[in-house]
Amino acid sequence: MGSFLRLCTFLCFVAVISGQCFFEPLVIENINELPTGCQDRKGDIHPFGSNWVTENCYSCDCTKGGAGCCNTIPNIVVMPEDCQQIVDKKTCTSKVVLKSDPSVECPGGISAVLK
């Protein structure tokens, strides 16, 4: 029974994580001028086979089919009431700290999903 519960938990986790990604299909506007890469939402072109991290901390990969991107920062969905999530978009990291003293990490359990 324990193995079944672990499997169900894993499948739920995979379903949640997969919803935190998006795919931008490759757009071919002129058949005589095929694209050399993927265009991101800012208009920059990334060569096929490359990867990059956006200013909103999405990790993206460019393939000949388009660009696939997934969020790298977890969204804290359950945490003690006296805690808050602090996100640093320069380093694409986050931490959960006490609201009363952001220099102290939050004690206790949290639950997170990638959003």
PDB file of N, CA and C in Angstrom:
ATOM      1  N   MET A   1       0.825  -1.199   0.000  1.00  0.00           N
ATOM      2  CA  MET A   1       0.000   0.000   0.000  1.00  0.00           C
ATOM      3  C   MET A   1       0.869   1.262   0.000  1.00  0.00           C
ATOM      4  N   GLY A   2       2.028   1.220   0.696  1.00  0.00           N
ATOM      5  CA  GLY A   2       2.925   2.365   0.746  1.00  0.00           C
ATOM      6  C   GLY A   2       3.463   2.716  -0.634  1.00  0.00           C
ATOM      7  N   SER A   3       3.783   1.698  -1.433  1.00  0.00           N
ATOM      8  CA  SER A   3       4.290   1.934  -2.786  1.00  0.00           C
ATOM      9  C   SER A   3       3.231   2.595  -3.648  1.00  0.00           C
ATOM     10  N   PHE A   4       1.992   2.175  -3.493  1.00  0.00           N
ATOM     11  CA  PHE A   4       0.890   2.768  -4.254  1.00  0.00           C
ATOM     12  C   PHE A   4       0.734   4.238  -3.896  1.00  0.00           C
ATOM     13  N   LEU A   5       0.819   4.562  -2.613  1.00  0.00           N
ATOM     14  CA  LEU A   5       0.691   5.947  -2.162  1.00  0.00           C
ATOM     15  C   LEU A   5       1.838   6.796  -2.712  1.00  0.00           C
ATOM     16  N   ARG A   6       3.064   6.249  -2.690  1.00  0.00           N
ATOM     17  CA  ARG A   6       4.204   6.985  -3.244  1.00  0.00           C
ATOM     18  C   ARG A   6       4.013   7.221  -4.737  1.00  0.00           C
ATOM     19  N   LEU A   7       3.513   6.230  -5.460  1.00  0.00           N
ATOM     20  CA  LEU A   7       3.274   6.375  -6.890  1.00  0.00           C
ATOM     21  C   LEU A   7       2.232   7.462  -7.158  1.00  0.00           C
ATOM     22  N   CYS A   8       1.143   7.446  -6.409  1.00  0.00           N
ATOM     23  CA  CYS A   8       0.091   8.455  -6.580  1.00  0.00           C
ATOM     24  C   CYS A   8       0.635   9.853  -6.287  1.00  0.00           C
ATOM     25  N   THR A   9       1.425   9.984  -5.236  1.00  0.00           N
ATOM     26  CA  THR A   9       2.015  11.274  -4.884  1.00  0.00           C
ATOM     27  C   THR A   9       2.933  11.749  -6.006  1.00  0.00           C
ATOM     28  N   PHE A  10       3.752  10.833  -6.541  1.00  0.00           N
ATOM     29  CA  PHE A  10       4.659  11.187  -7.628  1.00  0.00           C
ATOM     30  C   PHE A  10       3.884  11.643  -8.863  1.00  0.00           C
ATOM     31  N   LEU A  11       2.839  10.917  -9.227  1.00  0.00           N
ATOM     32  CA  LEU A  11       2.062  11.276 -10.409  1.00  0.00           C
ATOM     33  C   LEU A  11       1.374  12.620 -10.237  1.00  0.00           C
ATOM     34  N   CYS A  12       0.877  12.905  -9.042  1.00  0.00           N
ATOM     35  CA  CYS A  12       0.273  14.216  -8.773  1.00  0.00           C
ATOM     36  C   CYS A  12       1.320  15.305  -8.898  1.00  0.00           C
ATOM     37  N   PHE A  13       2.526  15.055  -8.385  1.00  0.00           N
ATOM     38  CA  PHE A  13       3.616  16.020  -8.458  1.00  0.00           C
ATOM     39  C   PHE A  13       3.972  16.299  -9.912  1.00  0.00           C
ATOM     40  N   VAL A  14       4.079  15.250 -10.724  1.00  0.00           N
ATOM     41  CA  VAL A  14       4.401  15.417 -12.141  1.00  0.00           C
ATOM     42  C   VAL A  14       3.321  16.228 -12.834  1.00  0.00           C
ATOM     43  N   ALA A  15       2.057  15.985 -12.519  1.00  0.00           N
ATOM     44  CA  ALA A  15       0.955  16.723 -13.141  1.00  0.00           C
ATOM     45  C   ALA A  15       1.026  18.201 -12.787  1.00  0.00           C
ATOM     46  N   VAL A  16       1.366  18.519 -11.542  1.00  0.00           N
ATOM     47  CA  VAL A  16       1.470  19.913 -11.117  1.00  0.00           C
ATOM     48  C   VAL A  16       2.648  20.586 -11.812  1.00  0.00           C
ATOM     49  N   ILE A  17       3.797  19.910 -11.824  1.00  0.00           N
ATOM     50  CA  ILE A  17       4.983  20.501 -12.415  1.00  0.00           C
ATOM     51  C   ILE A  17       4.796  20.737 -13.914  1.00  0.00           C
ATOM     52  N   SER A  18       4.194  19.805 -14.619  1.00  0.00           N
ATOM     53  CA  SER A  18       4.059  19.953 -16.062  1.00  0.00           C
ATOM     54  C   SER A  18       3.189  21.144 -16.427  1.00  0.00           C
ATOM     55  N   GLY A  19       2.320  21.574 -15.550  1.00  0.00           N
ATOM     56  CA  GLY A  19       1.474  22.731 -15.803  1.00  0.00           C
ATOM     57  C   GLY A  19       2.218  24.044 -15.636  1.00  0.00           C
ATOM     58  N   GLN A  20       3.481  23.992 -15.211  1.00  0.00           N
ATOM     59  CA  GLN A  20       4.250  25.200 -14.949  1.00  0.00           C
ATOM     60  C   GLN A  20       5.175  25.539 -16.112  1.00  0.00           C
ATOM     61  N   CYS A  21       4.927  24.959 -17.228  1.00  0.00           N
ATOM     62  CA  CYS A  21       5.753  25.165 -18.415  1.00  0.00           C
ATOM     63  C   CYS A  21       4.872  25.654 -19.563  1.00  0.00           C
ATOM     64  N   PHE A  22       5.520  26.217 -20.563  1.00  0.00           N
ATOM     65  CA  PHE A  22       4.783  26.575 -21.775  1.00  0.00           C
ATOM     66  C   PHE A  22       5.681  26.326 -22.980  1.00  0.00           C
ATOM     67  N   PHE A  23       5.063  26.222 -24.135  1.00  0.00           N
ATOM     68  CA  PHE A  23       5.785  25.977 -25.374  1.00  0.00           C
ATOM     69  C   PHE A  23       5.355  27.001 -26.406  1.00  0.00           C
ATOM     70  N   GLU A  24       6.324  27.668 -27.009  1.00  0.00           N
ATOM     71  CA  GLU A  24       6.055  28.621 -28.094  1.00  0.00           C
ATOM     72  C   GLU A  24       6.482  27.946 -29.399  1.00  0.00           C
ATOM     73  N   PRO A  25       5.540  27.506 -30.224  1.00  0.00           N
ATOM     74  CA  PRO A  25       5.918  26.834 -31.466  1.00  0.00           C
ATOM     75  C   PRO A  25       6.677  27.765 -32.410  1.00  0.00           C
ATOM     76  N   LEU A  26       7.542  27.173 -33.207  1.00  0.00           N
ATOM     77  CA  LEU A  26       8.307  27.927 -34.188  1.00  0.00           C
ATOM     78  C   LEU A  26       7.354  28.482 -35.245  1.00  0.00           C
ATOM     79  N   VAL A  27       7.499  29.753 -35.555  1.00  0.00           N
ATOM     80  CA  VAL A  27       6.649  30.397 -36.554  1.00  0.00           C
ATOM     81  C   VAL A  27       7.472  30.600 -37.828  1.00  0.00           C
ATOM     82  N   ILE A  28       6.960  30.076 -38.933  1.00  0.00           N
ATOM     83  CA  ILE A  28       7.614  30.256 -40.231  1.00  0.00           C
ATOM     84  C   ILE A  28       6.753  31.214 -41.038  1.00  0.00           C
ATOM     85  N   GLU A  29       7.271  32.438 -41.202  1.00  0.00           N
ATOM     86  CA  GLU A  29       6.508  33.462 -41.914  1.00  0.00           C
ATOM     87  C   GLU A  29       6.763  33.417 -43.417  1.00  0.00           C
ATOM     88  N   ASN A  30       7.964  32.984 -43.794  1.00  0.00           N
ATOM     89  CA  ASN A  30       8.325  32.943 -45.212  1.00  0.00           C
ATOM     90  C   ASN A  30       9.100  31.648 -45.458  1.00  0.00           C
ATOM     91  N   ILE A  31       8.569  30.775 -46.283  1.00  0.00           N
ATOM     92  CA  ILE A  31       9.196  29.481 -46.538  1.00  0.00           C
ATOM     93  C   ILE A  31      10.582  29.632 -47.173  1.00  0.00           C
ATOM     94  N   ASN A  32      10.840  30.780 -47.811  1.00  0.00           N
ATOM     95  CA  ASN A  32      12.145  31.018 -48.436  1.00  0.00           C
ATOM     96  C   ASN A  32      13.177  31.554 -47.438  1.00  0.00           C
ATOM     97  N   GLU A  33      12.736  31.950 -46.252  1.00  0.00           N
ATOM     98  CA  GLU A  33      13.636  32.459 -45.209  1.00  0.00           C
ATOM     99  C   GLU A  33      13.326  31.722 -43.903  1.00  0.00           C
ATOM    100  N   LEU A  34      13.866  30.509 -43.794  1.00  0.00           N
ATOM    101  CA  LEU A  34      13.605  29.704 -42.605  1.00  0.00           C
ATOM    102  C   LEU A  34      14.307  30.293 -41.388  1.00  0.00           C
ATOM    103  N   PRO A  35      13.680  30.214 -40.220  1.00  0.00           N
ATOM    104  CA  PRO A  35      14.295  30.760 -39.012  1.00  0.00           C
ATOM    105  C   PRO A  35      15.568  30.004 -38.641  1.00  0.00           C
ATOM    106  N   THR A  36      16.467  30.706 -37.967  1.00  0.00           N
ATOM    107  CA  THR A  36      17.720  30.105 -37.498  1.00  0.00           C
ATOM    108  C   THR A  36      17.670  29.816 -36.006  1.00  0.00           C
ATOM    109  N   GLY A  37      16.531  30.120 -35.389  1.00  0.00           N
ATOM    110  CA  GLY A  37      16.388  29.903 -33.959  1.00  0.00           C
ATOM    111  C   GLY A  37      14.999  30.265 -33.493  1.00  0.00           C
ATOM    112  N   CYS A  38      14.859  30.410 -32.171  1.00  0.00           N
ATOM    113  CA  CYS A  38      13.575  30.701 -31.539  1.00  0.00           C
ATOM    114  C   CYS A  38      13.529  32.162 -31.100  1.00  0.00           C
ATOM    115  N   GLN A  39      12.384  32.776 -31.282  1.00  0.00           N
ATOM    116  CA  GLN A  39      12.203  34.161 -30.838  1.00  0.00           C
ATOM    117  C   GLN A  39      11.519  34.146 -29.478  1.00  0.00           C
ATOM    118  N   ASP A  40      12.131  34.825 -28.493  1.00  0.00           N
ATOM    119  CA  ASP A  40      11.514  34.880 -27.175  1.00  0.00           C
ATOM    120  C   ASP A  40      10.480  36.002 -27.126  1.00  0.00           C
ATOM    121  N   ARG A  41       9.847  36.167 -25.997  1.00  0.00           N
ATOM    122  CA  ARG A  41       8.760  37.146 -25.866  1.00  0.00           C
ATOM    123  C   ARG A  41       9.253  38.587 -25.929  1.00  0.00           C
ATOM    124  N   LYS A  42      10.568  38.789 -25.776  1.00  0.00           N
ATOM    125  CA  LYS A  42      11.139  40.132 -25.913  1.00  0.00           C
ATOM    126  C   LYS A  42      11.549  40.419 -27.349  1.00  0.00           C
ATOM    127  N   GLY A  43      11.514  39.399 -28.208  1.00  0.00           N
ATOM    128  CA  GLY A  43      11.892  39.568 -29.599  1.00  0.00           C
ATOM    129  C   GLY A  43      13.302  39.114 -29.915  1.00  0.00           C
ATOM    130  N   ASP A  44      14.070  38.680 -28.914  1.00  0.00           N
ATOM    131  CA  ASP A  44      15.430  38.195 -29.144  1.00  0.00           C
ATOM    132  C   ASP A  44      15.395  36.813 -29.786  1.00  0.00           C
ATOM    133  N   ILE A  45      16.356  36.541 -30.675  1.00  0.00           N
ATOM    134  CA  ILE A  45      16.466  35.245 -31.343  1.00  0.00           C
ATOM    135  C   ILE A  45      17.536  34.414 -30.633  1.00  0.00           C
ATOM    136  N   HIS A  46      17.183  33.162 -30.317  1.00  0.00           N
ATOM    137  CA  HIS A  46      18.104  32.215 -29.684  1.00  0.00           C
ATOM    138  C   HIS A  46      18.329  31.066 -30.668  1.00  0.00           C
ATOM    139  N   PRO A  47      19.600  30.716 -30.935  1.00  0.00           N
ATOM    140  CA  PRO A  47      19.892  29.661 -31.913  1.00  0.00           C
ATOM    141  C   PRO A  47      19.318  28.302 -31.502  1.00  0.00           C
ATOM    142  N   PHE A  48      19.013  27.477 -32.492  1.00  0.00           N
ATOM    143  CA  PHE A  48      18.560  26.113 -32.219  1.00  0.00           C
ATOM    144  C   PHE A  48      19.593  25.409 -31.347  1.00  0.00           C
ATOM    145  N   GLY A  49      19.136  24.670 -30.358  1.00  0.00           N
ATOM    146  CA  GLY A  49      20.020  23.948 -29.441  1.00  0.00           C
ATOM    147  C   GLY A  49      20.484  24.761 -28.252  1.00  0.00           C
ATOM    148  N   SER A  50      20.128  26.032 -28.208  1.00  0.00           N
ATOM    149  CA  SER A  50      20.571  26.880 -27.088  1.00  0.00           C
ATOM    150  C   SER A  50      19.552  26.860 -25.953  1.00  0.00           C
ATOM    151  N   ASN A  51      19.989  27.338 -24.807  1.00  0.00           N
ATOM    152  CA  ASN A  51      19.077  27.520 -23.676  1.00  0.00           C
ATOM    153  C   ASN A  51      19.411  28.831 -22.992  1.00  0.00           C
ATOM    154  N   TRP A  52      18.434  29.380 -22.281  1.00  0.00           N
ATOM    155  CA  TRP A  52      18.593  30.657 -21.606  1.00  0.00           C
ATOM    156  C   TRP A  52      17.594  30.740 -20.459  1.00  0.00           C
ATOM    157  N   VAL A  53      17.811  31.706 -19.582  1.00  0.00           N
ATOM    158  CA  VAL A  53      16.900  31.957 -18.469  1.00  0.00           C
ATOM    159  C   VAL A  53      16.342  33.361 -18.665  1.00  0.00           C
ATOM    160  N   THR A  54      15.017  33.497 -18.593  1.00  0.00           N
ATOM    161  CA  THR A  54      14.375  34.791 -18.813  1.00  0.00           C
ATOM    162  C   THR A  54      14.484  35.664 -17.569  1.00  0.00           C
ATOM    163  N   GLU A  55      14.121  36.925 -17.718  1.00  0.00           N
ATOM    164  CA  GLU A  55      14.140  37.849 -16.583  1.00  0.00           C
ATOM    165  C   GLU A  55      13.112  37.467 -15.518  1.00  0.00           C
ATOM    166  N   ASN A  56      12.149  36.619 -15.882  1.00  0.00           N
ATOM    167  CA  ASN A  56      11.158  36.130 -14.912  1.00  0.00           C
ATOM    168  C   ASN A  56      11.485  34.728 -14.419  1.00  0.00           C
ATOM    169  N   CYS A  57      12.732  34.308 -14.641  1.00  0.00           N
ATOM    170  CA  CYS A  57      13.261  33.038 -14.121  1.00  0.00           C
ATOM    171  C   CYS A  57      12.629  31.797 -14.744  1.00  0.00           C
ATOM    172  N   TYR A  58      12.326  31.872 -16.033  1.00  0.00           N
ATOM    173  CA  TYR A  58      11.915  30.685 -16.770  1.00  0.00           C
ATOM    174  C   TYR A  58      13.141  30.148 -17.498  1.00  0.00           C
ATOM    175  N   SER A  59      13.388  28.860 -17.388  1.00  0.00           N
ATOM    176  CA  SER A  59      14.482  28.214 -18.097  1.00  0.00           C
ATOM    177  C   SER A  59      13.926  27.730 -19.432  1.00  0.00           C
ATOM    178  N   CYS A  60      14.548  28.170 -20.522  1.00  0.00           N
ATOM    179  CA  CYS A  60      14.029  27.875 -21.855  1.00  0.00           C
ATOM    180  C   CYS A  60      15.054  27.125 -22.695  1.00  0.00           C
ATOM    181  N   ASP A  61      14.552  26.293 -23.602  1.00  0.00           N
ATOM    182  CA  ASP A  61      15.356  25.549 -24.563  1.00  0.00           C
ATOM    183  C   ASP A  61      14.773  25.777 -25.947  1.00  0.00           C
ATOM    184  N   CYS A  62      15.661  25.985 -26.928  1.00  0.00           N
ATOM    185  CA  CYS A  62      15.214  26.191 -28.305  1.00  0.00           C
ATOM    186  C   CYS A  62      15.465  24.933 -29.118  1.00  0.00           C
ATOM    187  N   THR A  63      14.398  24.417 -29.732  1.00  0.00           N
ATOM    188  CA  THR A  63      14.504  23.278 -30.641  1.00  0.00           C
ATOM    189  C   THR A  63      13.962  23.704 -32.001  1.00  0.00           C
ATOM    190  N   LYS A  64      14.085  22.860 -32.989  1.00  0.00           N
ATOM    191  CA  LYS A  64      13.573  23.197 -34.319  1.00  0.00           C
ATOM    192  C   LYS A  64      12.044  23.241 -34.344  1.00  0.00           C
ATOM    193  N   GLY A  65      11.407  22.789 -33.248  1.00  0.00           N
ATOM    194  CA  GLY A  65       9.960  22.876 -33.140  1.00  0.00           C
ATOM    195  C   GLY A  65       9.490  24.132 -32.433  1.00  0.00           C
ATOM    196  N   GLY A  66      10.392  24.792 -31.694  1.00  0.00           N
ATOM    197  CA  GLY A  66      10.037  25.991 -30.960  1.00  0.00           C
ATOM    198  C   GLY A  66      10.756  26.063 -29.624  1.00  0.00           C
ATOM    199  N   ALA A  67      10.299  26.955 -28.773  1.00  0.00           N
ATOM    200  CA  ALA A  67      10.928  27.171 -27.467  1.00  0.00           C
ATOM    201  C   ALA A  67      10.036  26.627 -26.359  1.00  0.00           C
ATOM    202  N   GLY A  68      10.628  25.809 -25.498  1.00  0.00           N
ATOM    203  CA  GLY A  68       9.932  25.303 -24.319  1.00  0.00           C
ATOM    204  C   GLY A  68      10.532  25.945 -23.081  1.00  0.00           C
ATOM    205  N   CYS A  69       9.685  26.454 -22.203  1.00  0.00           N
ATOM    206  CA  CYS A  69      10.154  27.159 -21.010  1.00  0.00           C
ATOM    207  C   CYS A  69       9.418  26.664 -19.772  1.00  0.00           C
ATOM    208  N   CYS A  70      10.159  26.557 -18.655  1.00  0.00           N
ATOM    209  CA  CYS A  70       9.574  26.146 -17.373  1.00  0.00           C
ATOM    210  C   CYS A  70      10.061  27.068 -16.270  1.00  0.00           C
ATOM    211  N   ASN A  71       9.182  27.373 -15.343  1.00  0.00           N
ATOM    212  CA  ASN A  71       9.528  28.230 -14.211  1.00  0.00           C
ATOM    213  C   ASN A  71      10.535  27.514 -13.317  1.00  0.00           C
ATOM    214  N   THR A  72      11.524  28.252 -12.821  1.00  0.00           N
ATOM    215  CA  THR A  72      12.548  27.678 -11.959  1.00  0.00           C
ATOM    216  C   THR A  72      12.340  28.022 -10.489  1.00  0.00           C
ATOM    217  N   ILE A  73      11.387  28.902 -10.195  1.00  0.00           N
ATOM    218  CA  ILE A  73      11.154  29.317  -8.805  1.00  0.00           C
ATOM    219  C   ILE A  73       9.887  28.654  -8.284  1.00  0.00           C
ATOM    220  N   PRO A  74       9.988  27.927  -7.162  1.00  0.00           N
ATOM    221  CA  PRO A  74       8.786  27.297  -6.620  1.00  0.00           C
ATOM    222  C   PRO A  74       7.825  28.327  -6.050  1.00  0.00           C
ATOM    223  N   ASN A  75       6.552  28.038  -6.166  1.00  0.00           N
ATOM    224  CA  ASN A  75       5.508  28.862  -5.563  1.00  0.00           C
ATOM    225  C   ASN A  75       5.127  28.204  -4.238  1.00  0.00           C
ATOM    226  N   ILE A  76       5.357  28.881  -3.145  1.00  0.00           N
ATOM    227  CA  ILE A  76       5.038  28.321  -1.839  1.00  0.00           C
ATOM    228  C   ILE A  76       3.526  28.385  -1.658  1.00  0.00           C
ATOM    229  N   VAL A  77       2.905  27.227  -1.499  1.00  0.00           N
ATOM    230  CA  VAL A  77       1.446  27.179  -1.379  1.00  0.00           C
ATOM    231  C   VAL A  77       0.977  26.969   0.057  1.00  0.00           C
ATOM    232  N   VAL A  78       1.837  26.403   0.901  1.00  0.00           N
ATOM    233  CA  VAL A  78       1.484  26.214   2.312  1.00  0.00           C
ATOM    234  C   VAL A  78       2.706  26.581   3.134  1.00  0.00           C
ATOM    235  N   MET A  79       2.521  27.532   4.061  1.00  0.00           N
ATOM    236  CA  MET A  79       3.596  27.919   4.960  1.00  0.00           C
ATOM    237  C   MET A  79       2.974  28.516   6.214  1.00  0.00           C
ATOM    238  N   PRO A  80       3.725  28.563   7.303  1.00  0.00           N
ATOM    239  CA  PRO A  80       3.188  29.185   8.518  1.00  0.00           C
ATOM    240  C   PRO A  80       2.757  30.629   8.242  1.00  0.00           C
ATOM    241  N   GLU A  81       1.736  31.073   8.937  1.00  0.00           N
ATOM    242  CA  GLU A  81       1.159  32.389   8.712  1.00  0.00           C
ATOM    243  C   GLU A  81       2.151  33.529   8.945  1.00  0.00           C
ATOM    244  N   ASP A  82       3.127  33.308   9.811  1.00  0.00           N
ATOM    245  CA  ASP A  82       4.084  34.371  10.131  1.00  0.00           C
ATOM    246  C   ASP A  82       5.291  34.371   9.196  1.00  0.00           C
ATOM    247  N   CYS A  83       5.188  33.667   8.067  1.00  0.00           N
ATOM    248  CA  CYS A  83       6.296  33.570   7.109  1.00  0.00           C
ATOM    249  C   CYS A  83       5.889  34.138   5.761  1.00  0.00           C
ATOM    250  N   GLN A  84       6.910  34.453   4.945  1.00  0.00           N
ATOM    251  CA  GLN A  84       6.676  34.947   3.591  1.00  0.00           C
ATOM    252  C   GLN A  84       7.790  34.462   2.669  1.00  0.00           C
ATOM    253  N   GLN A  85       7.466  34.391   1.391  1.00  0.00           N
ATOM    254  CA  GLN A  85       8.458  33.987   0.388  1.00  0.00           C
ATOM    255  C   GLN A  85       9.108  35.237  -0.187  1.00  0.00           C
ATOM    256  N   ILE A  86      10.433  35.228  -0.232  1.00  0.00           N
ATOM    257  CA  ILE A  86      11.198  36.313  -0.838  1.00  0.00           C
ATOM    258  C   ILE A  86      11.852  35.753  -2.110  1.00  0.00           C
ATOM    259  N   VAL A  87      11.622  36.417  -3.238  1.00  0.00           N
ATOM    260  CA  VAL A  87      12.164  35.972  -4.525  1.00  0.00           C
ATOM    261  C   VAL A  87      13.238  36.959  -4.976  1.00  0.00           C
ATOM    262  N   ASP A  88      14.386  36.424  -5.379  1.00  0.00           N
ATOM    263  CA  ASP A  88      15.465  37.226  -5.948  1.00  0.00           C
ATOM    264  C   ASP A  88      15.538  36.893  -7.432  1.00  0.00           C
ATOM    265  N   LYS A  89      14.993  37.779  -8.271  1.00  0.00           N
ATOM    266  CA  LYS A  89      14.949  37.511  -9.710  1.00  0.00           C
ATOM    267  C   LYS A  89      16.310  37.668 -10.373  1.00  0.00           C
ATOM    268  N   LYS A  90      17.271  38.303  -9.702  1.00  0.00           N
ATOM    269  CA  LYS A  90      18.621  38.408 -10.269  1.00  0.00           C
ATOM    270  C   LYS A  90      19.316  37.049 -10.252  1.00  0.00           C
ATOM    271  N   THR A  91      19.077  36.268  -9.196  1.00  0.00           N
ATOM    272  CA  THR A  91      19.708  34.946  -9.078  1.00  0.00           C
ATOM    273  C   THR A  91      18.729  33.801  -9.305  1.00  0.00           C
ATOM    274  N   CYS A  92      17.447  34.136  -9.514  1.00  0.00           N
ATOM    275  CA  CYS A  92      16.382  33.140  -9.697  1.00  0.00           C
ATOM    276  C   CYS A  92      16.343  32.152  -8.529  1.00  0.00           C
ATOM    277  N   THR A  93      16.366  32.694  -7.335  1.00  0.00           N
ATOM    278  CA  THR A  93      16.261  31.890  -6.124  1.00  0.00           C
ATOM    279  C   THR A  93      15.175  32.489  -5.240  1.00  0.00           C
ATOM    280  N   SER A  94      14.731  31.677  -4.283  1.00  0.00           N
ATOM    281  CA  SER A  94      13.758  32.176  -3.322  1.00  0.00           C
ATOM    282  C   SER A  94      14.028  31.537  -1.968  1.00  0.00           C
ATOM    283  N   LYS A  95      13.521  32.165  -0.936  1.00  0.00           N
ATOM    284  CA  LYS A  95      13.613  31.602   0.411  1.00  0.00           C
ATOM    285  C   LYS A  95      12.374  32.028   1.181  1.00  0.00           C
ATOM    286  N   VAL A  96      12.068  31.263   2.209  1.00  0.00           N
ATOM    287  CA  VAL A  96      10.925  31.551   3.063  1.00  0.00           C
ATOM    288  C   VAL A  96      11.475  32.052   4.393  1.00  0.00           C
ATOM    289  N   VAL A  97      11.052  33.257   4.766  1.00  0.00           N
ATOM    290  CA  VAL A  97      11.582  33.920   5.953  1.00  0.00           C
ATOM    291  C   VAL A  97      10.447  34.378   6.852  1.00  0.00           C
ATOM    292  N   LEU A  98      10.797  34.741   8.072  1.00  0.00           N
ATOM    293  CA  LEU A  98       9.815  35.305   8.996  1.00  0.00           C
ATOM    294  C   LEU A  98       9.418  36.700   8.521  1.00  0.00           C
ATOM    295  N   LYS A  99       8.134  37.020   8.563  1.00  0.00           N
ATOM    296  CA  LYS A  99       7.674  38.354   8.193  1.00  0.00           C
ATOM    297  C   LYS A  99       8.270  39.401   9.134  1.00  0.00           C
ATOM    298  N   SER A 100       8.380  39.041  10.416  1.00  0.00           N
ATOM    299  CA  SER A 100       8.872  39.985  11.417  1.00  0.00           C
ATOM    300  C   SER A 100      10.382  40.224  11.315  1.00  0.00           C
ATOM    301  N   ASP A 101      11.119  39.273  10.719  1.00  0.00           N
ATOM    302  CA  ASP A 101      12.574  39.401  10.587  1.00  0.00           C
ATOM    303  C   ASP A 101      13.038  38.630   9.356  1.00  0.00           C
ATOM    304  N   PRO A 102      13.067  39.288   8.180  1.00  0.00           N
ATOM    305  CA  PRO A 102      13.423  38.607   6.931  1.00  0.00           C
ATOM    306  C   PRO A 102      14.830  38.010   6.893  1.00  0.00           C
ATOM    307  N   SER A 103      15.655  38.278   7.905  1.00  0.00           N
ATOM    308  CA  SER A 103      16.986  37.674   7.938  1.00  0.00           C
ATOM    309  C   SER A 103      16.949  36.273   8.536  1.00  0.00           C
ATOM    310  N   VAL A 104      15.776  35.867   9.076  1.00  0.00           N
ATOM    311  CA  VAL A 104      15.634  34.554   9.710  1.00  0.00           C
ATOM    312  C   VAL A 104      14.760  33.659   8.834  1.00  0.00           C
ATOM    313  N   GLU A 105      15.317  32.487   8.467  1.00  0.00           N
ATOM    314  CA  GLU A 105      14.530  31.540   7.679  1.00  0.00           C
ATOM    315  C   GLU A 105      13.370  31.008   8.500  1.00  0.00           C
ATOM    316  N   CYS A 106      12.285  30.735   7.830  1.00  0.00           N
ATOM    317  CA  CYS A 106      11.065  30.286   8.483  1.00  0.00           C
ATOM    318  C   CYS A 106      11.219  28.863   9.029  1.00  0.00           C
ATOM    319  N   PRO A 107      10.926  28.686  10.304  1.00  0.00           N
ATOM    320  CA  PRO A 107      10.933  27.323  10.848  1.00  0.00           C
ATOM    321  C   PRO A 107       9.633  26.609  10.476  1.00  0.00           C
ATOM    322  N   GLY A 108       9.654  25.320  10.472  1.00  0.00           N
ATOM    323  CA  GLY A 108       8.434  24.572  10.189  1.00  0.00           C
ATOM    324  C   GLY A 108       8.348  24.164   8.734  1.00  0.00           C
ATOM    325  N   GLY A 109       7.326  23.393   8.421  1.00  0.00           N
ATOM    326  CA  GLY A 109       7.181  22.836   7.086  1.00  0.00           C
ATOM    327  C   GLY A 109       6.528  23.797   6.113  1.00  0.00           C
ATOM    328  N   ILE A 110       6.893  23.635   4.850  1.00  0.00           N
ATOM    329  CA  ILE A 110       6.253  24.370   3.763  1.00  0.00           C
ATOM    330  C   ILE A 110       5.961  23.392   2.646  1.00  0.00           C
ATOM    331  N   SER A 111       5.033  23.752   1.791  1.00  0.00           N
ATOM    332  CA  SER A 111       4.731  22.968   0.591  1.00  0.00           C
ATOM    333  C   SER A 111       4.873  23.894  -0.603  1.00  0.00           C
ATOM    334  N   ALA A 112       5.517  23.402  -1.653  1.00  0.00           N
ATOM    335  CA  ALA A 112       5.755  24.256  -2.809  1.00  0.00           C
ATOM    336  C   ALA A 112       5.477  23.496  -4.095  1.00  0.00           C
ATOM    337  N   VAL A 113       5.111  24.248  -5.131  1.00  0.00           N
ATOM    338  CA  VAL A 113       4.997  23.734  -6.486  1.00  0.00           C
ATOM    339  C   VAL A 113       5.647  24.744  -7.404  1.00  0.00           C
ATOM    340  N   LEU A 114       6.116  24.306  -8.560  1.00  0.00           N
ATOM    341  CA  LEU A 114       6.622  25.260  -9.542  1.00  0.00           C
ATOM    342  C   LEU A 114       5.432  25.856 -10.236  1.00  0.00           C
ATOM    343  N   LYS A 115       5.421  27.170 -10.355  1.00  0.00           N
ATOM    344  CA  LYS A 115       4.260  27.821 -10.986  1.00  0.00           C
ATOM    345  C   LYS A 115       4.599  28.422 -12.291  1.00  0.00           C
TER     346      LYS A 115
END
